[in-house]
Amino acid sequence: MLIRPWQEGDRALVVAAQEHLSPRTIERRFLVGSAGRLPTAYLAHVAAGPRPEWDAQVAVDDGVLCGWAEYGRYPADAPAADLAVLVADPWQRTGLASALIRALVQRMIAAGIRSIHADVAGSNAATRGLVRALAGSDPGPTYVDGLLHFAFDLAAVPLEAPPVALVAGPAFP
């Protein structure tokens, strides 16, 4: 599996990856129902590729996009960014989300980002655990608009992940 920065053409990989994304996975990422498809406006947004206000790391295995971590900020030079990650169902619970985020951290720092914000559904225990692992000590979420809102210093994120073997998902023809 290769973890690399977003590049031209990755939108097509995102579209193709939808077959490996359950409606529940998409809803947990976008926090709304989407009829099991990635939002059209989101696909247009990522098609523009990396820019000061958005960037991403992707994980690709044999031409299949397994997941991606991304940040967005407004304005483009803001010191805080929203962080999101989406891992296709066959690769969930393998350590891939953590590896993607850790791969993105250095580029976030280089872009001038100093703090991270993440909104998580209270029922999403896996993501709550991931945020707490990334933030070190409990970042003390607040409850905003029905979601847990985490905000923490980017410097808190350990760049070295604990030893985790990324388990390969299913083989694809």
N, C-alpha and C. Protein backbone atom coordinates (compact mmCIF):
# COMPACT_ATOMS: atom_id res chain seq x y z
N MET A 1 0.85 -1.18 0.00
CA MET A 1 0.00 0.00 0.00
C MET A 1 0.89 1.24 0.00
N LEU A 2 0.52 2.19 -0.81
CA LEU A 2 1.27 3.44 -0.94
C LEU A 2 0.45 4.58 -0.33
N ILE A 3 1.06 5.33 0.58
CA ILE A 3 0.45 6.55 1.12
C ILE A 3 1.22 7.70 0.51
N ARG A 4 0.49 8.61 -0.15
CA ARG A 4 1.13 9.71 -0.88
C ARG A 4 0.23 10.92 -0.88
N PRO A 5 0.80 12.09 -1.25
CA PRO A 5 -0.03 13.29 -1.37
C PRO A 5 -1.05 13.15 -2.51
N TRP A 6 -2.14 13.88 -2.37
CA TRP A 6 -3.16 13.96 -3.42
C TRP A 6 -2.51 14.44 -4.70
N GLN A 7 -2.92 13.89 -5.82
CA GLN A 7 -2.40 14.33 -7.11
C GLN A 7 -3.50 14.36 -8.15
N GLU A 8 -3.19 14.99 -9.26
CA GLU A 8 -4.16 15.08 -10.34
C GLU A 8 -4.62 13.69 -10.73
N GLY A 9 -5.90 13.54 -10.93
CA GLY A 9 -6.47 12.25 -11.29
C GLY A 9 -7.04 11.48 -10.11
N ASP A 10 -6.78 11.94 -8.88
CA ASP A 10 -7.28 11.20 -7.72
C ASP A 10 -8.79 11.29 -7.57
N ARG A 11 -9.41 12.32 -8.14
CA ARG A 11 -10.87 12.40 -8.08
C ARG A 11 -11.48 11.15 -8.71
N ALA A 12 -10.91 10.69 -9.83
CA ALA A 12 -11.41 9.48 -10.49
C ALA A 12 -11.28 8.26 -9.56
N LEU A 13 -10.20 8.21 -8.79
CA LEU A 13 -10.03 7.11 -7.83
C LEU A 13 -11.07 7.20 -6.72
N VAL A 14 -11.40 8.43 -6.29
CA VAL A 14 -12.43 8.61 -5.27
C VAL A 14 -13.77 8.12 -5.79
N VAL A 15 -14.12 8.49 -7.00
CA VAL A 15 -15.39 8.05 -7.59
C VAL A 15 -15.43 6.53 -7.66
N ALA A 16 -14.35 5.91 -8.12
CA ALA A 16 -14.30 4.45 -8.22
C ALA A 16 -14.35 3.78 -6.85
N ALA A 17 -13.81 4.43 -5.83
CA ALA A 17 -13.78 3.86 -4.48
C ALA A 17 -15.16 3.79 -3.84
N GLN A 18 -16.13 4.48 -4.41
CA GLN A 18 -17.46 4.49 -3.80
C GLN A 18 -18.04 3.08 -3.67
N GLU A 19 -17.63 2.17 -4.53
CA GLU A 19 -18.16 0.81 -4.42
C GLU A 19 -17.69 0.12 -3.14
N HIS A 20 -16.67 0.66 -2.50
CA HIS A 20 -16.15 0.10 -1.25
C HIS A 20 -16.56 0.92 -0.03
N LEU A 21 -17.46 1.89 -0.23
CA LEU A 21 -17.93 2.77 0.85
C LEU A 21 -19.39 2.48 1.14
N SER A 22 -19.67 2.02 2.33
CA SER A 22 -21.06 1.78 2.71
C SER A 22 -21.75 3.12 2.98
N PRO A 23 -23.07 3.15 2.91
CA PRO A 23 -23.78 4.39 3.26
C PRO A 23 -23.41 4.85 4.68
N ARG A 24 -23.21 3.93 5.60
CA ARG A 24 -22.85 4.30 6.97
C ARG A 24 -21.48 5.00 7.01
N THR A 25 -20.52 4.51 6.24
CA THR A 25 -19.19 5.12 6.19
C THR A 25 -19.28 6.54 5.64
N ILE A 26 -20.04 6.72 4.57
CA ILE A 26 -20.19 8.04 3.97
C ILE A 26 -20.91 8.98 4.94
N GLU A 27 -21.94 8.48 5.60
CA GLU A 27 -22.68 9.32 6.55
C GLU A 27 -21.78 9.73 7.72
N ARG A 28 -20.94 8.83 8.20
CA ARG A 28 -20.04 9.18 9.30
C ARG A 28 -19.02 10.23 8.88
N ARG A 29 -18.60 10.22 7.63
CA ARG A 29 -17.64 11.23 7.17
C ARG A 29 -18.30 12.58 6.98
N PHE A 30 -19.48 12.60 6.35
CA PHE A 30 -20.12 13.87 6.00
C PHE A 30 -21.19 14.29 7.01
N LEU A 31 -21.50 13.42 7.97
CA LEU A 31 -22.42 13.72 9.06
C LEU A 31 -23.84 14.00 8.61
N VAL A 32 -24.17 13.54 7.41
CA VAL A 32 -25.54 13.64 6.88
C VAL A 32 -25.79 12.42 6.01
N GLY A 33 -27.05 12.12 5.80
CA GLY A 33 -27.40 11.06 4.88
C GLY A 33 -27.06 11.48 3.45
N SER A 34 -26.65 10.52 2.63
CA SER A 34 -26.25 10.88 1.27
C SER A 34 -26.71 9.86 0.24
N ALA A 35 -27.64 9.00 0.62
CA ALA A 35 -28.12 7.96 -0.27
C ALA A 35 -26.98 7.05 -0.73
N GLY A 36 -25.95 6.93 0.10
CA GLY A 36 -24.86 6.01 -0.20
C GLY A 36 -23.87 6.48 -1.24
N ARG A 37 -23.91 7.76 -1.58
CA ARG A 37 -23.00 8.31 -2.59
C ARG A 37 -22.28 9.51 -2.01
N LEU A 38 -21.07 9.75 -2.48
CA LEU A 38 -20.35 10.96 -2.08
C LEU A 38 -21.07 12.17 -2.66
N PRO A 39 -21.19 13.25 -1.90
CA PRO A 39 -21.90 14.43 -2.39
C PRO A 39 -21.26 14.99 -3.67
N THR A 40 -22.09 15.38 -4.62
CA THR A 40 -21.62 15.93 -5.89
C THR A 40 -20.77 17.17 -5.67
N ALA A 41 -21.18 18.03 -4.76
CA ALA A 41 -20.41 19.25 -4.50
C ALA A 41 -19.03 18.91 -3.94
N TYR A 42 -18.95 17.85 -3.14
CA TYR A 42 -17.66 17.42 -2.60
C TYR A 42 -16.75 16.92 -3.72
N LEU A 43 -17.29 16.14 -4.63
CA LEU A 43 -16.49 15.63 -5.75
C LEU A 43 -15.96 16.78 -6.61
N ALA A 44 -16.77 17.82 -6.79
CA ALA A 44 -16.30 19.00 -7.53
C ALA A 44 -15.21 19.71 -6.74
N HIS A 45 -15.37 19.76 -5.43
CA HIS A 45 -14.39 20.42 -4.56
C HIS A 45 -13.03 19.73 -4.65
N VAL A 46 -12.99 18.41 -4.55
CA VAL A 46 -11.71 17.70 -4.57
C VAL A 46 -11.09 17.66 -5.97
N ALA A 47 -11.91 17.83 -6.99
CA ALA A 47 -11.39 17.83 -8.36
C ALA A 47 -10.41 18.97 -8.60
N ALA A 48 -10.55 20.05 -7.83
CA ALA A 48 -9.64 21.19 -7.98
C ALA A 48 -8.24 20.87 -7.47
N GLY A 49 -8.11 19.79 -6.70
CA GLY A 49 -6.79 19.37 -6.22
C GLY A 49 -6.24 20.23 -5.11
N PRO A 50 -5.00 19.95 -4.73
CA PRO A 50 -4.38 20.68 -3.61
C PRO A 50 -4.30 22.18 -3.88
N ARG A 51 -4.53 22.95 -2.84
CA ARG A 51 -4.44 24.40 -2.87
C ARG A 51 -4.29 24.86 -1.42
N PRO A 52 -4.00 26.12 -1.20
CA PRO A 52 -3.73 26.55 0.19
C PRO A 52 -4.85 26.24 1.18
N GLU A 53 -6.10 26.21 0.73
CA GLU A 53 -7.19 25.97 1.67
C GLU A 53 -7.61 24.50 1.78
N TRP A 54 -7.04 23.60 0.95
CA TRP A 54 -7.40 22.18 1.01
C TRP A 54 -6.25 21.32 0.51
N ASP A 55 -6.05 20.21 1.17
CA ASP A 55 -5.05 19.25 0.72
C ASP A 55 -5.38 17.89 1.33
N ALA A 56 -4.76 16.84 0.80
CA ALA A 56 -5.06 15.49 1.27
C ALA A 56 -3.90 14.54 1.06
N GLN A 57 -3.92 13.46 1.82
CA GLN A 57 -3.05 12.30 1.64
C GLN A 57 -3.96 11.16 1.25
N VAL A 58 -3.50 10.30 0.37
CA VAL A 58 -4.31 9.15 -0.04
C VAL A 58 -3.54 7.86 0.19
N ALA A 59 -4.29 6.78 0.32
CA ALA A 59 -3.71 5.44 0.39
C ALA A 59 -4.23 4.66 -0.80
N VAL A 60 -3.31 4.13 -1.59
CA VAL A 60 -3.67 3.40 -2.81
C VAL A 60 -3.04 2.02 -2.73
N ASP A 61 -3.84 1.01 -3.04
CA ASP A 61 -3.36 -0.37 -3.05
C ASP A 61 -3.74 -0.98 -4.39
N ASP A 62 -2.74 -1.24 -5.21
CA ASP A 62 -2.96 -1.87 -6.52
C ASP A 62 -4.01 -1.12 -7.34
N GLY A 63 -3.90 0.22 -7.34
CA GLY A 63 -4.80 1.05 -8.13
C GLY A 63 -6.13 1.36 -7.49
N VAL A 64 -6.38 0.83 -6.29
CA VAL A 64 -7.64 1.07 -5.59
C VAL A 64 -7.39 2.05 -4.45
N LEU A 65 -8.20 3.11 -4.39
CA LEU A 65 -8.09 4.09 -3.31
C LEU A 65 -8.73 3.49 -2.07
N CYS A 66 -7.92 3.30 -1.03
CA CYS A 66 -8.37 2.67 0.21
C CYS A 66 -8.88 3.68 1.21
N GLY A 67 -8.38 4.93 1.11
CA GLY A 67 -8.80 5.96 2.03
C GLY A 67 -8.04 7.24 1.80
N TRP A 68 -8.49 8.30 2.48
CA TRP A 68 -7.80 9.58 2.39
C TRP A 68 -8.07 10.40 3.64
N ALA A 69 -7.07 11.22 3.99
CA ALA A 69 -7.20 12.18 5.07
C ALA A 69 -7.03 13.55 4.44
N GLU A 70 -7.83 14.51 4.88
CA GLU A 70 -7.80 15.83 4.26
C GLU A 70 -7.98 16.91 5.30
N TYR A 71 -7.52 18.10 4.91
CA TYR A 71 -7.79 19.26 5.75
C TYR A 71 -8.37 20.35 4.87
N GLY A 72 -9.15 21.20 5.52
CA GLY A 72 -9.70 22.36 4.86
C GLY A 72 -9.66 23.53 5.82
N ARG A 73 -9.43 24.71 5.28
CA ARG A 73 -9.40 25.91 6.11
C ARG A 73 -9.87 27.10 5.30
N TYR A 74 -10.42 28.06 6.02
CA TYR A 74 -10.87 29.29 5.39
C TYR A 74 -10.66 30.41 6.40
N PRO A 75 -9.96 31.46 6.01
CA PRO A 75 -9.33 31.68 4.70
C PRO A 75 -8.12 30.77 4.50
N ALA A 76 -7.55 30.87 3.32
CA ALA A 76 -6.48 29.97 2.91
C ALA A 76 -5.23 30.04 3.78
N ASP A 77 -5.05 31.12 4.50
CA ASP A 77 -3.87 31.24 5.36
C ASP A 77 -4.21 31.14 6.85
N ALA A 78 -5.40 30.64 7.17
CA ALA A 78 -5.81 30.50 8.57
C ALA A 78 -4.90 29.51 9.29
N PRO A 79 -4.61 29.76 10.57
CA PRO A 79 -3.74 28.84 11.31
C PRO A 79 -4.47 27.59 11.83
N ALA A 80 -5.79 27.53 11.64
CA ALA A 80 -6.57 26.37 12.07
C ALA A 80 -7.21 25.71 10.86
N ALA A 81 -7.34 24.38 10.91
CA ALA A 81 -7.94 23.65 9.80
C ALA A 81 -8.85 22.55 10.34
N ASP A 82 -9.88 22.26 9.58
CA ASP A 82 -10.74 21.11 9.88
C ASP A 82 -10.09 19.87 9.29
N LEU A 83 -10.12 18.80 10.03
CA LEU A 83 -9.51 17.54 9.61
C LEU A 83 -10.59 16.51 9.41
N ALA A 84 -10.49 15.74 8.35
CA ALA A 84 -11.43 14.65 8.09
C ALA A 84 -10.68 13.48 7.49
N VAL A 85 -11.20 12.31 7.71
CA VAL A 85 -10.59 11.10 7.15
C VAL A 85 -11.71 10.15 6.74
N LEU A 86 -11.49 9.45 5.66
CA LEU A 86 -12.44 8.45 5.19
C LEU A 86 -11.65 7.23 4.78
N VAL A 87 -11.98 6.08 5.32
CA VAL A 87 -11.33 4.82 4.97
C VAL A 87 -12.40 3.88 4.45
N ALA A 88 -12.16 3.31 3.29
CA ALA A 88 -13.10 2.37 2.68
C ALA A 88 -13.32 1.18 3.61
N ASP A 89 -14.50 0.64 3.58
CA ASP A 89 -14.90 -0.40 4.52
C ASP A 89 -13.91 -1.56 4.65
N PRO A 90 -13.37 -2.13 3.55
CA PRO A 90 -12.47 -3.27 3.72
C PRO A 90 -11.18 -2.95 4.48
N TRP A 91 -10.81 -1.68 4.58
CA TRP A 91 -9.56 -1.29 5.24
C TRP A 91 -9.77 -0.63 6.60
N GLN A 92 -11.01 -0.56 7.06
CA GLN A 92 -11.26 0.04 8.37
C GLN A 92 -10.70 -0.83 9.48
N ARG A 93 -10.28 -0.17 10.56
CA ARG A 93 -9.74 -0.82 11.75
C ARG A 93 -8.42 -1.54 11.47
N THR A 94 -7.62 -0.97 10.56
CA THR A 94 -6.30 -1.52 10.25
C THR A 94 -5.18 -0.57 10.64
N GLY A 95 -5.51 0.62 11.12
CA GLY A 95 -4.51 1.63 11.42
C GLY A 95 -4.30 2.59 10.27
N LEU A 96 -5.05 2.42 9.20
CA LEU A 96 -4.87 3.26 8.01
C LEU A 96 -5.24 4.71 8.27
N ALA A 97 -6.32 4.98 8.98
CA ALA A 97 -6.72 6.38 9.24
C ALA A 97 -5.61 7.11 9.99
N SER A 98 -5.08 6.48 11.00
CA SER A 98 -4.00 7.09 11.78
C SER A 98 -2.76 7.33 10.91
N ALA A 99 -2.41 6.36 10.09
CA ALA A 99 -1.24 6.50 9.20
C ALA A 99 -1.44 7.64 8.20
N LEU A 100 -2.64 7.78 7.66
CA LEU A 100 -2.93 8.86 6.72
C LEU A 100 -2.80 10.22 7.38
N ILE A 101 -3.36 10.34 8.57
CA ILE A 101 -3.30 11.63 9.26
C ILE A 101 -1.86 11.98 9.62
N ARG A 102 -1.13 11.01 10.13
CA ARG A 102 0.26 11.28 10.49
C ARG A 102 1.07 11.68 9.26
N ALA A 103 0.76 11.11 8.11
CA ALA A 103 1.46 11.48 6.88
C ALA A 103 1.11 12.90 6.45
N LEU A 104 -0.06 13.37 6.82
CA LEU A 104 -0.51 14.71 6.44
C LEU A 104 0.02 15.80 7.37
N VAL A 105 0.37 15.43 8.60
CA VAL A 105 0.74 16.42 9.62
C VAL A 105 1.90 17.32 9.18
N GLN A 106 2.99 16.75 8.67
CA GLN A 106 4.14 17.58 8.28
C GLN A 106 3.76 18.61 7.22
N ARG A 107 2.94 18.22 6.28
CA ARG A 107 2.51 19.16 5.24
C ARG A 107 1.59 20.23 5.82
N MET A 108 0.80 19.87 6.81
CA MET A 108 -0.06 20.86 7.47
C MET A 108 0.80 21.89 8.19
N ILE A 109 1.81 21.42 8.89
CA ILE A 109 2.71 22.33 9.60
C ILE A 109 3.41 23.25 8.61
N ALA A 110 3.90 22.68 7.50
CA ALA A 110 4.59 23.48 6.48
C ALA A 110 3.65 24.52 5.86
N ALA A 111 2.35 24.23 5.85
CA ALA A 111 1.36 25.16 5.29
C ALA A 111 0.95 26.23 6.30
N GLY A 112 1.51 26.17 7.51
CA GLY A 112 1.20 27.19 8.51
C GLY A 112 0.05 26.85 9.42
N ILE A 113 -0.43 25.63 9.37
CA ILE A 113 -1.53 25.22 10.24
C ILE A 113 -0.97 24.90 11.62
N ARG A 114 -1.63 25.40 12.64
CA ARG A 114 -1.16 25.20 14.01
C ARG A 114 -2.16 24.43 14.87
N SER A 115 -3.43 24.42 14.48
CA SER A 115 -4.41 23.68 15.27
C SER A 115 -5.40 22.95 14.37
N ILE A 116 -5.95 21.90 14.93
CA ILE A 116 -6.87 21.02 14.21
C ILE A 116 -8.23 21.06 14.88
N HIS A 117 -9.26 21.02 14.06
CA HIS A 117 -10.63 20.89 14.53
C HIS A 117 -11.22 19.66 13.86
N ALA A 118 -12.02 18.92 14.62
CA ALA A 118 -12.70 17.75 14.06
C ALA A 118 -14.05 17.60 14.72
N ASP A 119 -15.08 17.41 13.91
CA ASP A 119 -16.43 17.18 14.42
C ASP A 119 -16.74 15.70 14.24
N VAL A 120 -17.23 15.09 15.32
CA VAL A 120 -17.45 13.65 15.34
C VAL A 120 -18.81 13.36 15.95
N ALA A 121 -19.55 12.45 15.35
CA ALA A 121 -20.80 12.01 15.95
C ALA A 121 -20.49 11.28 17.25
N GLY A 122 -21.28 11.54 18.27
CA GLY A 122 -21.06 10.90 19.56
C GLY A 122 -21.09 9.38 19.48
N SER A 123 -21.84 8.84 18.53
CA SER A 123 -21.95 7.39 18.38
C SER A 123 -20.75 6.76 17.67
N ASN A 124 -19.85 7.56 17.16
CA ASN A 124 -18.71 7.05 16.39
C ASN A 124 -17.51 6.83 17.33
N ALA A 125 -17.55 5.73 18.05
CA ALA A 125 -16.51 5.43 19.05
C ALA A 125 -15.13 5.28 18.42
N ALA A 126 -15.05 4.69 17.24
CA ALA A 126 -13.74 4.49 16.61
C ALA A 126 -13.06 5.83 16.31
N THR A 127 -13.80 6.78 15.78
CA THR A 127 -13.22 8.08 15.46
C THR A 127 -12.92 8.88 16.72
N ARG A 128 -13.76 8.77 17.71
CA ARG A 128 -13.46 9.44 18.99
C ARG A 128 -12.14 8.91 19.54
N GLY A 129 -11.93 7.61 19.47
CA GLY A 129 -10.69 7.02 19.95
C GLY A 129 -9.49 7.47 19.14
N LEU A 130 -9.67 7.58 17.83
CA LEU A 130 -8.59 8.03 16.95
C LEU A 130 -8.20 9.47 17.30
N VAL A 131 -9.17 10.33 17.48
CA VAL A 131 -8.88 11.73 17.81
C VAL A 131 -8.13 11.80 19.13
N ARG A 132 -8.57 11.05 20.11
CA ARG A 132 -7.89 11.06 21.41
C ARG A 132 -6.46 10.53 21.29
N ALA A 133 -6.24 9.53 20.46
CA ALA A 133 -4.89 8.99 20.27
C ALA A 133 -4.00 10.02 19.58
N LEU A 134 -4.55 10.77 18.65
CA LEU A 134 -3.77 11.78 17.94
C LEU A 134 -3.47 12.99 18.82
N ALA A 135 -4.42 13.35 19.66
CA ALA A 135 -4.27 14.56 20.46
C ALA A 135 -3.49 14.33 21.75
N GLY A 136 -3.11 13.10 22.01
CA GLY A 136 -2.39 12.81 23.25
C GLY A 136 -3.35 12.73 24.41
N SER A 137 -3.31 13.69 25.29
CA SER A 137 -4.25 13.70 26.39
C SER A 137 -5.64 14.06 25.85
N ASP A 138 -6.64 13.77 26.62
CA ASP A 138 -8.01 14.04 26.20
C ASP A 138 -8.16 15.52 25.86
N PRO A 139 -8.46 15.85 24.58
CA PRO A 139 -8.59 17.25 24.20
C PRO A 139 -9.87 17.91 24.70
N GLY A 140 -10.69 17.17 25.47
CA GLY A 140 -11.88 17.77 26.05
C GLY A 140 -12.83 18.32 25.01
N PRO A 141 -13.56 17.45 24.30
CA PRO A 141 -14.47 17.95 23.26
C PRO A 141 -15.60 18.78 23.86
N THR A 142 -16.10 19.67 23.05
CA THR A 142 -17.31 20.41 23.40
C THR A 142 -18.43 19.83 22.56
N TYR A 143 -19.63 20.09 22.96
CA TYR A 143 -20.80 19.61 22.24
C TYR A 143 -21.37 20.78 21.47
N VAL A 144 -21.31 20.70 20.12
CA VAL A 144 -21.75 21.79 19.27
C VAL A 144 -22.66 21.23 18.17
N ASP A 145 -23.86 21.77 18.07
CA ASP A 145 -24.80 21.37 17.02
C ASP A 145 -25.00 19.86 16.93
N GLY A 146 -25.06 19.20 18.08
CA GLY A 146 -25.31 17.77 18.11
C GLY A 146 -24.10 16.90 17.85
N LEU A 147 -22.92 17.50 17.76
CA LEU A 147 -21.69 16.76 17.49
C LEU A 147 -20.65 17.05 18.56
N LEU A 148 -19.70 16.14 18.70
CA LEU A 148 -18.55 16.41 19.55
C LEU A 148 -17.56 17.20 18.72
N HIS A 149 -17.15 18.34 19.22
CA HIS A 149 -16.19 19.19 18.51
C HIS A 149 -14.87 19.13 19.26
N PHE A 150 -13.85 18.57 18.59
CA PHE A 150 -12.51 18.49 19.15
C PHE A 150 -11.67 19.60 18.54
N ALA A 151 -10.85 20.23 19.36
CA ALA A 151 -9.90 21.24 18.88
C ALA A 151 -8.61 21.02 19.66
N PHE A 152 -7.50 20.87 18.93
CA PHE A 152 -6.23 20.64 19.62
C PHE A 152 -5.07 21.13 18.77
N ASP A 153 -3.96 21.32 19.44
CA ASP A 153 -2.74 21.82 18.84
C ASP A 153 -2.14 20.75 17.93
N LEU A 154 -1.79 21.13 16.73
CA LEU A 154 -1.19 20.19 15.78
C LEU A 154 0.11 19.60 16.32
N ALA A 155 0.83 20.36 17.13
CA ALA A 155 2.08 19.86 17.69
C ALA A 155 1.86 18.68 18.63
N ALA A 156 0.63 18.45 19.08
CA ALA A 156 0.34 17.33 19.97
C ALA A 156 0.34 15.99 19.22
N VAL A 157 0.18 16.02 17.91
CA VAL A 157 0.07 14.78 17.14
C VAL A 157 1.43 14.13 17.02
N PRO A 158 1.56 12.91 17.53
CA PRO A 158 2.85 12.22 17.40
C PRO A 158 3.07 11.83 15.93
N LEU A 159 4.25 12.15 15.44
CA LEU A 159 4.54 11.86 14.03
C LEU A 159 4.83 10.38 13.81
N GLU A 160 5.34 9.73 14.83
CA GLU A 160 5.63 8.31 14.71
C GLU A 160 4.44 7.53 15.27
N ALA A 161 3.92 6.66 14.45
CA ALA A 161 2.80 5.84 14.89
C ALA A 161 3.33 4.65 15.68
N PRO A 162 2.53 4.16 16.63
CA PRO A 162 2.92 2.92 17.28
C PRO A 162 2.99 1.82 16.23
N PRO A 163 3.78 0.79 16.46
CA PRO A 163 3.89 -0.26 15.45
C PRO A 163 2.53 -0.88 15.14
N VAL A 164 2.09 -0.72 13.92
CA VAL A 164 0.84 -1.28 13.46
C VAL A 164 1.07 -1.81 12.07
N ALA A 165 0.67 -3.03 11.84
CA ALA A 165 0.76 -3.59 10.50
C ALA A 165 -0.51 -3.22 9.76
N LEU A 166 -0.37 -2.56 8.63
CA LEU A 166 -1.55 -2.25 7.83
C LEU A 166 -1.99 -3.54 7.17
N VAL A 167 -3.17 -3.97 7.54
CA VAL A 167 -3.70 -5.20 6.99
C VAL A 167 -4.29 -4.91 5.64
N ALA A 168 -3.90 -5.67 4.66
CA ALA A 168 -4.41 -5.47 3.31
C ALA A 168 -5.89 -5.83 3.27
N GLY A 169 -6.60 -5.10 2.47
CA GLY A 169 -8.00 -5.41 2.24
C GLY A 169 -8.09 -6.54 1.25
N PRO A 170 -9.26 -6.78 0.72
CA PRO A 170 -9.43 -7.88 -0.21
C PRO A 170 -8.67 -7.66 -1.51
N ALA A 171 -8.31 -8.72 -2.14
CA ALA A 171 -7.66 -8.63 -3.45
C ALA A 171 -8.72 -8.31 -4.49
N PHE A 172 -8.40 -7.45 -5.42
CA PHE A 172 -9.34 -7.07 -6.45
C PHE A 172 -8.84 -7.58 -7.79
N PRO A 173 -9.74 -8.02 -8.64
CA PRO A 173 -9.31 -8.51 -9.96
C PRO A 173 -8.75 -7.41 -10.81
